[in-house]
N, C-alpha and C. Protein backbone atom coordinates (compact mmCIF):
# COMPACT_ATOMS: atom_id res chain seq x y z
N MET A 1 -38.49 -18.98 -19.01
CA MET A 1 -37.99 -19.04 -17.51
C MET A 1 -38.78 -17.69 -17.17
N LYS A 2 -39.28 -17.71 -15.98
CA LYS A 2 -40.13 -16.41 -15.56
C LYS A 2 -39.31 -15.34 -14.95
N PRO A 3 -39.55 -13.87 -14.99
CA PRO A 3 -38.61 -13.10 -14.36
C PRO A 3 -37.94 -13.15 -13.05
N ARG A 4 -39.01 -13.67 -12.22
CA ARG A 4 -38.63 -13.80 -10.77
C ARG A 4 -37.43 -14.91 -10.84
N ALA A 5 -37.52 -16.07 -11.31
CA ALA A 5 -36.73 -17.18 -11.27
C ALA A 5 -35.08 -16.41 -11.76
N ARG A 6 -35.42 -15.92 -13.13
CA ARG A 6 -34.27 -15.23 -13.51
C ARG A 6 -33.78 -14.25 -12.70
N ARG A 7 -34.30 -13.37 -12.18
CA ARG A 7 -33.66 -12.55 -11.14
C ARG A 7 -33.10 -13.23 -9.91
N LEU A 8 -33.83 -14.44 -9.61
CA LEU A 8 -33.28 -15.32 -8.32
C LEU A 8 -31.73 -15.93 -8.79
N LEU A 9 -32.00 -16.28 -10.32
CA LEU A 9 -30.68 -17.04 -10.70
C LEU A 9 -29.82 -15.90 -10.78
N TRP A 10 -29.55 -14.54 -11.42
CA TRP A 10 -28.56 -13.77 -10.98
C TRP A 10 -27.78 -13.45 -9.73
N VAL A 11 -29.13 -13.55 -8.86
CA VAL A 11 -28.59 -13.23 -7.45
C VAL A 11 -27.79 -14.26 -7.18
N ALA A 12 -28.11 -15.40 -7.07
CA ALA A 12 -27.41 -16.43 -6.84
C ALA A 12 -26.04 -16.73 -7.39
N GLY A 13 -25.87 -16.13 -8.58
CA GLY A 13 -24.70 -16.15 -9.59
C GLY A 13 -23.86 -15.05 -9.00
N GLY A 14 -24.43 -13.94 -8.58
CA GLY A 14 -23.53 -12.72 -8.04
C GLY A 14 -23.07 -13.07 -6.52
N LEU A 15 -23.54 -13.98 -5.65
CA LEU A 15 -23.26 -14.32 -4.44
C LEU A 15 -22.15 -15.32 -4.72
N ALA A 16 -22.11 -16.37 -5.61
CA ALA A 16 -21.56 -17.17 -6.00
C ALA A 16 -19.82 -16.57 -6.37
N ALA A 17 -20.04 -15.47 -7.00
CA ALA A 17 -18.86 -14.88 -7.74
C ALA A 17 -18.27 -14.05 -6.64
N LEU A 18 -19.14 -13.65 -5.68
CA LEU A 18 -18.64 -12.57 -4.56
C LEU A 18 -17.84 -13.66 -3.74
N GLY A 19 -18.53 -14.61 -3.15
CA GLY A 19 -17.98 -15.82 -2.28
C GLY A 19 -16.54 -16.06 -3.17
N ALA A 20 -16.37 -16.31 -4.27
CA ALA A 20 -15.22 -17.07 -4.97
C ALA A 20 -14.06 -15.72 -4.95
N VAL A 21 -14.21 -14.47 -5.25
CA VAL A 21 -13.42 -13.20 -4.94
C VAL A 21 -12.98 -13.23 -3.51
N SER A 22 -13.80 -13.45 -2.58
CA SER A 22 -13.42 -13.39 -1.26
C SER A 22 -12.63 -14.45 -0.83
N ALA A 23 -12.95 -15.64 -1.33
CA ALA A 23 -11.96 -16.52 -0.83
C ALA A 23 -10.51 -16.39 -1.46
N LEU A 24 -10.34 -16.03 -2.57
CA LEU A 24 -9.00 -15.96 -3.38
C LEU A 24 -8.32 -14.81 -2.82
N THR A 25 -8.98 -13.65 -2.30
CA THR A 25 -8.68 -12.39 -1.76
C THR A 25 -7.87 -13.12 -0.13
N LEU A 26 -8.74 -13.54 0.45
CA LEU A 26 -8.20 -14.03 1.61
C LEU A 26 -7.02 -15.25 1.81
N ASN A 27 -7.27 -16.07 0.72
CA ASN A 27 -6.02 -17.04 0.84
C ASN A 27 -4.71 -16.02 0.17
N ALA A 28 -4.89 -15.19 -0.70
CA ALA A 28 -3.72 -14.19 -0.96
C ALA A 28 -3.04 -13.62 0.26
N PHE A 29 -4.02 -13.01 1.04
CA PHE A 29 -3.45 -12.30 2.60
C PHE A 29 -2.63 -13.43 3.12
N ARG A 30 -3.68 -14.50 3.35
CA ARG A 30 -2.81 -15.66 4.19
C ARG A 30 -1.45 -16.02 3.93
N SER A 31 -1.02 -15.90 2.43
CA SER A 31 -0.10 -16.54 2.10
C SER A 31 1.06 -15.45 2.13
N ASN A 32 0.41 -13.98 2.19
CA ASN A 32 1.44 -12.86 2.20
C ASN A 32 1.68 -12.23 3.65
N VAL A 33 0.86 -12.96 4.77
CA VAL A 33 1.07 -12.42 5.92
C VAL A 33 2.55 -12.77 6.63
N MET A 34 3.24 -12.08 7.30
CA MET A 34 4.41 -12.38 7.91
C MET A 34 4.42 -11.93 9.37
N PHE A 35 4.35 -12.57 10.25
CA PHE A 35 4.33 -12.32 11.95
C PHE A 35 5.69 -11.92 12.40
N PHE A 36 5.30 -11.00 13.33
CA PHE A 36 6.45 -10.55 14.06
C PHE A 36 6.61 -11.31 15.49
N VAL A 37 7.98 -11.80 15.59
CA VAL A 37 8.05 -12.44 17.01
C VAL A 37 9.29 -12.32 17.51
N THR A 38 9.45 -12.52 18.65
CA THR A 38 10.60 -12.23 19.50
C THR A 38 11.41 -13.53 19.68
N PRO A 39 12.85 -13.47 20.05
CA PRO A 39 13.62 -14.59 20.13
C PRO A 39 13.10 -15.80 20.96
N THR A 40 12.31 -15.10 22.08
CA THR A 40 12.04 -16.16 23.15
C THR A 40 10.60 -16.82 22.52
N GLN A 41 9.81 -16.49 21.54
CA GLN A 41 8.86 -16.75 21.21
C GLN A 41 9.21 -18.17 20.25
N VAL A 42 10.47 -17.94 19.45
CA VAL A 42 11.03 -18.66 18.31
C VAL A 42 11.46 -19.83 19.21
N ILE A 43 12.42 -19.67 20.33
CA ILE A 43 13.13 -20.72 21.11
C ILE A 43 11.64 -21.42 21.89
N GLU A 44 10.83 -20.87 22.11
CA GLU A 44 9.59 -21.61 22.86
C GLU A 44 8.85 -22.61 22.06
N GLY A 45 9.16 -22.41 20.66
CA GLY A 45 8.62 -23.33 19.81
C GLY A 45 7.10 -22.86 19.11
N ARG A 46 7.20 -21.67 19.29
CA ARG A 46 5.82 -21.13 18.82
C ARG A 46 5.50 -21.03 17.38
N VAL A 47 6.67 -20.97 16.84
CA VAL A 47 7.07 -20.86 15.46
C VAL A 47 7.41 -22.14 14.69
N ALA A 48 6.87 -22.49 13.70
CA ALA A 48 7.14 -23.87 12.98
C ALA A 48 8.27 -23.52 12.15
N SER A 49 9.45 -24.58 11.91
CA SER A 49 10.61 -23.93 11.12
C SER A 49 9.87 -24.21 9.64
N GLY A 50 10.66 -23.35 8.63
CA GLY A 50 10.27 -23.03 7.46
C GLY A 50 9.35 -21.73 7.25
N THR A 51 8.83 -21.33 8.42
CA THR A 51 7.72 -20.35 8.28
C THR A 51 8.56 -19.00 8.04
N ARG A 52 7.95 -18.08 6.87
CA ARG A 52 8.40 -16.77 6.91
C ARG A 52 7.90 -15.66 7.96
N LEU A 53 8.78 -15.08 8.45
CA LEU A 53 8.24 -14.19 9.48
C LEU A 53 9.38 -13.17 9.92
N ARG A 54 9.12 -12.22 10.80
CA ARG A 54 9.82 -11.36 11.14
C ARG A 54 10.42 -11.50 12.45
N VAL A 55 11.70 -11.44 13.00
CA VAL A 55 12.22 -11.54 14.24
C VAL A 55 12.82 -10.15 14.68
N GLY A 56 12.23 -9.80 15.90
CA GLY A 56 12.88 -8.41 16.28
C GLY A 56 13.56 -8.35 17.72
N GLY A 57 14.45 -7.35 17.93
CA GLY A 57 15.15 -7.37 19.03
C GLY A 57 16.29 -6.52 18.93
N LEU A 58 17.08 -6.47 20.19
CA LEU A 58 18.57 -5.91 19.90
C LEU A 58 19.70 -6.91 19.19
N VAL A 59 20.52 -6.19 18.66
CA VAL A 59 21.67 -6.95 18.03
C VAL A 59 22.56 -7.04 19.37
N GLU A 60 22.97 -8.46 19.58
CA GLU A 60 23.58 -9.01 20.70
C GLU A 60 25.04 -8.22 20.84
N LYS A 61 25.46 -7.46 21.66
CA LYS A 61 26.88 -6.59 21.49
C LYS A 61 27.99 -7.69 21.74
N GLY A 62 28.98 -7.75 20.65
CA GLY A 62 29.85 -8.64 20.31
C GLY A 62 29.70 -9.74 19.60
N SER A 63 28.57 -9.94 19.03
CA SER A 63 28.18 -11.17 18.38
C SER A 63 28.24 -11.17 16.86
N LEU A 64 28.54 -9.79 16.41
CA LEU A 64 28.47 -9.61 14.95
C LEU A 64 29.75 -10.09 14.31
N THR A 65 29.72 -10.88 13.27
CA THR A 65 30.83 -11.35 12.31
C THR A 65 30.41 -11.48 10.92
N ARG A 66 31.57 -10.90 10.07
CA ARG A 66 31.48 -10.94 8.71
C ARG A 66 32.56 -11.50 7.97
N ASP A 67 32.30 -12.13 6.91
CA ASP A 67 33.15 -12.87 6.16
C ASP A 67 34.26 -12.09 5.65
N ALA A 68 34.92 -12.92 4.83
CA ALA A 68 36.50 -11.70 4.17
C ALA A 68 35.94 -10.64 3.21
N GLN A 69 34.79 -10.98 2.54
CA GLN A 69 34.07 -9.98 1.42
C GLN A 69 33.02 -9.13 2.24
N GLY A 70 32.74 -9.55 3.30
CA GLY A 70 31.99 -8.61 4.06
C GLY A 70 30.40 -8.47 3.91
N LEU A 71 30.36 -9.37 3.09
CA LEU A 71 28.54 -9.83 2.68
C LEU A 71 27.78 -10.65 3.38
N ASN A 72 28.60 -11.47 4.03
CA ASN A 72 27.95 -12.49 4.70
C ASN A 72 28.11 -12.13 6.10
N VAL A 73 27.16 -11.97 6.70
CA VAL A 73 27.18 -11.66 8.21
C VAL A 73 26.35 -12.68 8.98
N ARG A 74 26.62 -12.84 10.40
CA ARG A 74 26.11 -13.40 11.43
C ARG A 74 26.13 -12.66 12.45
N PHE A 75 24.83 -12.61 13.22
CA PHE A 75 24.91 -11.91 14.56
C PHE A 75 23.82 -12.63 15.40
N LEU A 76 23.73 -12.03 16.37
CA LEU A 76 22.52 -12.71 17.32
C LEU A 76 21.67 -11.57 17.64
N VAL A 77 20.20 -12.11 17.26
CA VAL A 77 19.10 -11.08 18.23
C VAL A 77 18.64 -11.43 19.42
N THR A 78 18.80 -10.70 20.50
CA THR A 78 18.08 -10.92 21.66
C THR A 78 17.04 -9.87 22.05
N ASP A 79 16.28 -10.70 23.03
CA ASP A 79 14.87 -9.70 23.69
C ASP A 79 15.53 -9.50 25.03
N THR A 80 16.53 -9.86 25.42
CA THR A 80 17.12 -9.81 26.62
C THR A 80 17.17 -10.90 27.36
N ALA A 81 16.15 -11.77 27.05
CA ALA A 81 15.65 -13.02 27.79
C ALA A 81 16.66 -14.25 27.12
N ARG A 82 16.51 -14.25 25.88
CA ARG A 82 16.76 -15.09 24.91
C ARG A 82 17.45 -14.61 23.47
N ASP A 83 18.32 -15.67 22.82
CA ASP A 83 18.86 -14.78 21.52
C ASP A 83 18.68 -15.96 20.72
N ILE A 84 18.57 -15.45 19.10
CA ILE A 84 18.48 -16.45 17.89
C ILE A 84 19.85 -16.23 17.38
N PRO A 85 20.51 -16.73 16.59
CA PRO A 85 21.46 -16.40 15.49
C PRO A 85 20.75 -16.52 14.34
N VAL A 86 21.32 -15.47 13.73
CA VAL A 86 20.78 -14.58 12.08
C VAL A 86 21.83 -14.79 11.41
N THR A 87 21.71 -15.12 10.29
CA THR A 87 22.48 -15.25 9.23
C THR A 87 22.00 -14.05 7.97
N TYR A 88 22.86 -13.51 7.25
CA TYR A 88 22.30 -12.54 6.21
C TYR A 88 23.39 -12.55 5.31
N HIS A 89 23.19 -12.29 3.89
CA HIS A 89 23.98 -12.36 3.00
C HIS A 89 23.46 -10.87 2.20
N GLY A 90 24.25 -9.83 2.32
CA GLY A 90 24.01 -8.61 1.92
C GLY A 90 24.61 -7.32 2.57
N VAL A 91 24.34 -6.24 2.12
CA VAL A 91 24.84 -4.88 2.59
C VAL A 91 23.77 -4.66 3.87
N LEU A 92 24.51 -4.30 5.12
CA LEU A 92 23.45 -4.16 6.26
C LEU A 92 23.12 -2.64 6.31
N PRO A 93 22.13 -2.04 6.84
CA PRO A 93 21.44 -0.72 6.70
C PRO A 93 22.57 0.04 7.32
N ASP A 94 22.57 1.29 7.53
CA ASP A 94 23.70 2.54 7.88
C ASP A 94 23.39 2.32 9.36
N LEU A 95 22.14 2.35 9.65
CA LEU A 95 21.89 2.53 11.28
C LEU A 95 21.99 1.27 12.22
N PHE A 96 22.48 0.08 11.30
CA PHE A 96 22.79 -1.02 12.01
C PHE A 96 23.89 -1.06 13.05
N ARG A 97 23.79 -1.36 14.15
CA ARG A 97 24.94 -1.15 15.12
C ARG A 97 24.46 -2.40 16.38
N GLU A 98 25.37 -2.87 16.96
CA GLU A 98 25.37 -3.66 18.04
C GLU A 98 24.93 -3.20 19.26
N GLY A 99 23.87 -3.61 20.03
CA GLY A 99 23.20 -3.08 21.25
C GLY A 99 22.01 -2.26 20.60
N LYS A 100 21.66 -2.33 19.42
CA LYS A 100 20.73 -1.45 18.62
C LYS A 100 19.72 -2.19 18.17
N GLY A 101 18.47 -1.76 17.99
CA GLY A 101 17.43 -2.55 17.49
C GLY A 101 17.30 -2.80 15.97
N VAL A 102 16.51 -3.81 15.92
CA VAL A 102 16.77 -4.67 14.38
C VAL A 102 15.69 -5.46 14.15
N VAL A 103 14.90 -5.44 13.11
CA VAL A 103 13.75 -6.26 12.86
C VAL A 103 14.34 -7.21 11.28
N ALA A 104 14.59 -8.19 11.69
CA ALA A 104 15.06 -9.32 10.33
C ALA A 104 14.00 -10.27 9.84
N GLN A 105 14.25 -10.22 8.39
CA GLN A 105 12.65 -10.70 7.82
C GLN A 105 13.28 -11.91 7.24
N GLY A 106 12.91 -13.05 7.31
CA GLY A 106 13.24 -14.25 6.26
C GLY A 106 12.77 -15.41 6.88
N THR A 107 13.53 -16.67 6.75
CA THR A 107 12.80 -17.91 7.21
C THR A 107 13.69 -18.20 8.44
N LEU A 108 12.76 -19.46 9.11
CA LEU A 108 13.48 -19.88 10.11
C LEU A 108 13.79 -21.55 9.82
N MET A 109 15.03 -21.69 10.13
CA MET A 109 15.48 -23.20 9.34
C MET A 109 15.30 -23.96 10.52
N PRO A 110 15.01 -25.57 10.03
CA PRO A 110 15.06 -26.51 11.35
C PRO A 110 16.11 -26.38 12.23
N ASP A 111 17.23 -26.07 12.38
CA ASP A 111 18.28 -26.18 13.28
C ASP A 111 18.19 -24.73 14.31
N GLY A 112 17.21 -23.91 14.11
CA GLY A 112 16.96 -22.75 14.89
C GLY A 112 17.61 -21.51 14.40
N THR A 113 18.33 -21.56 13.11
CA THR A 113 18.95 -20.47 12.82
C THR A 113 17.97 -19.77 11.74
N PHE A 114 18.01 -18.54 12.22
CA PHE A 114 17.27 -17.44 10.93
C PHE A 114 18.09 -17.14 10.01
N VAL A 115 17.65 -17.45 8.78
CA VAL A 115 18.03 -16.70 7.52
C VAL A 115 17.43 -15.39 7.24
N ALA A 116 17.99 -14.47 7.21
CA ALA A 116 17.14 -13.22 6.87
C ALA A 116 17.49 -12.77 5.42
N ASP A 117 16.57 -12.42 4.75
CA ASP A 117 16.63 -11.80 3.37
C ASP A 117 16.45 -10.31 3.45
N GLN A 118 16.06 -9.65 4.64
CA GLN A 118 16.20 -8.17 4.49
C GLN A 118 16.47 -7.94 6.41
N VAL A 119 17.21 -7.13 6.29
CA VAL A 119 17.40 -6.45 7.77
C VAL A 119 17.32 -4.92 8.05
N LEU A 120 16.29 -4.79 8.80
CA LEU A 120 15.59 -3.30 8.89
C LEU A 120 16.36 -2.54 10.27
N ALA A 121 17.18 -1.81 10.24
CA ALA A 121 17.58 -1.35 11.59
C ALA A 121 16.44 -0.09 12.38
N LYS A 122 16.53 -0.35 13.26
CA LYS A 122 14.99 0.39 13.99
C LYS A 122 15.79 1.73 14.42
N HIS A 123 14.99 3.09 14.20
CA HIS A 123 15.26 4.25 14.62
C HIS A 123 15.27 4.07 16.27
N ASP A 124 16.02 5.31 16.71
CA ASP A 124 15.62 5.66 18.07
C ASP A 124 14.32 5.88 18.41
N GLU A 125 13.72 5.46 19.55
CA GLU A 125 12.28 5.43 19.63
C GLU A 125 11.68 7.11 19.95
N ASN A 126 13.09 7.89 20.25
CA ASN A 126 12.86 9.13 20.58
C ASN A 126 12.69 10.15 19.17
N TYR A 127 13.02 9.46 18.07
CA TYR A 127 13.20 10.00 16.71
C TYR A 127 11.76 10.31 16.39
N MET A 128 11.82 11.86 15.87
CA MET A 128 10.82 12.36 15.00
C MET A 128 10.93 12.83 13.81
N PRO A 129 10.19 12.67 12.76
CA PRO A 129 10.46 13.29 11.68
C PRO A 129 10.43 14.93 11.94
N PRO A 130 11.19 15.86 11.17
CA PRO A 130 11.09 17.30 11.09
C PRO A 130 9.94 17.91 10.87
N GLU A 131 8.90 17.22 9.94
CA GLU A 131 7.49 17.66 9.82
C GLU A 131 6.88 17.63 11.26
N ALA A 132 6.75 16.12 11.75
CA ALA A 132 6.24 16.08 12.77
C ALA A 132 6.68 17.13 14.13
N ALA A 133 8.01 16.99 14.06
CA ALA A 133 8.44 18.02 15.09
C ALA A 133 7.83 19.31 14.97
N ASP A 134 8.02 19.85 14.05
CA ASP A 134 7.47 21.41 13.54
C ASP A 134 6.27 21.82 13.98
N ALA A 135 5.32 20.41 13.68
CA ALA A 135 3.85 20.61 13.97
C ALA A 135 3.59 20.61 15.41
N VAL A 136 4.43 19.68 16.40
CA VAL A 136 4.14 19.54 17.46
C VAL A 136 4.68 21.04 18.02
N ASN A 137 5.86 21.77 17.98
CA ASN A 137 6.25 22.88 18.06
C ASN A 137 5.36 24.04 17.85
N LYS A 138 4.62 23.95 17.02
CA LYS A 138 3.40 24.79 16.40
C LYS A 138 2.77 24.99 17.38
N ALA A 139 1.96 23.51 17.49
CA ALA A 139 0.74 23.19 18.26
C ALA A 139 1.01 23.72 19.78
N ARG A 140 2.31 23.53 20.31
CA ARG A 140 2.55 24.00 21.89
C ARG A 140 2.50 25.70 21.83
N ALA A 141 3.20 26.16 20.68
CA ALA A 141 3.06 27.66 20.83
C ALA A 141 1.64 28.26 20.88
N THR A 142 0.92 27.70 20.17
CA THR A 142 -0.62 28.21 20.11
C THR A 142 -1.67 27.74 21.34
N LEU A 143 -0.84 27.14 22.35
CA LEU A 143 -1.88 26.83 23.53
C LEU A 143 -1.99 27.89 24.29
N ARG A 144 -3.19 28.54 24.57
CA ARG A 144 -3.48 29.42 25.49
C ARG A 144 -3.04 29.39 26.90
N VAL A 145 -2.62 30.26 27.51
CA VAL A 145 -2.06 30.27 28.88
C VAL A 145 -3.07 29.65 29.65
N ALA A 146 -3.99 29.69 29.58
CA ALA A 146 -4.87 28.82 30.55
C ALA A 146 -4.71 27.64 30.21
N ASP A 147 -4.46 26.98 28.90
CA ASP A 147 -4.38 25.44 28.77
C ASP A 147 -3.01 25.20 29.10
N ARG A 148 -2.21 25.86 29.40
CA ARG A 148 -0.98 25.14 29.76
C ARG A 148 -0.87 24.83 30.83
N PRO A 149 -0.10 23.54 31.20
CA PRO A 149 -0.17 23.04 32.74
C PRO A 149 0.81 24.00 33.49
N SER A 150 0.20 23.98 35.03
CA SER A 150 0.58 24.61 35.85
C SER A 150 2.00 24.10 36.27
N LYS A 151 3.08 24.60 36.86
CA LYS A 151 4.15 24.12 37.18
C LYS A 151 4.23 23.81 38.53
N GLU A 152 3.35 24.07 39.42
CA GLU A 152 3.20 23.44 40.83
C GLU A 152 2.04 22.20 40.54
N THR A 153 1.21 22.37 39.91
CA THR A 153 0.15 21.07 39.98
C THR A 153 0.62 19.87 38.90
N GLY A 154 1.14 20.41 37.83
CA GLY A 154 1.44 19.61 36.74
C GLY A 154 0.21 19.53 35.69
N ARG A 155 -0.84 20.00 36.25
CA ARG A 155 -2.26 19.93 35.39
C ARG A 155 -2.36 21.10 34.50
């Protein structure tokens, strides 16, 4: 075999291997991707039943019910337009409250119920970690007087 043909064979083999690795990687990403949807999107049928996804919104006030042991929980997640029933077995996060933000991760059942295997309570949108708050405060303190906004103009 001539050196040129051998080199061409190595390049073709390398490209085939790269293609196979890329295909396997993309397939793994696709099987692990979890989409975030709202209750309105679920009710409108944009998501097929049996799909793993995340549903986010607010916990409807007055919708939280627990069984006798307290581990089986049912509640409604709403986006203020529509709501979806969620069931969960486990301990809820400390920040979980009615009327507060929540993200439930799980599977949509054919009857429209969302069975969550993980529930995440959302922090207040005004929350800032202490390190970030310190950095912002230091940055504000180092602004020169000329850079600070004027009270009259706001600029």
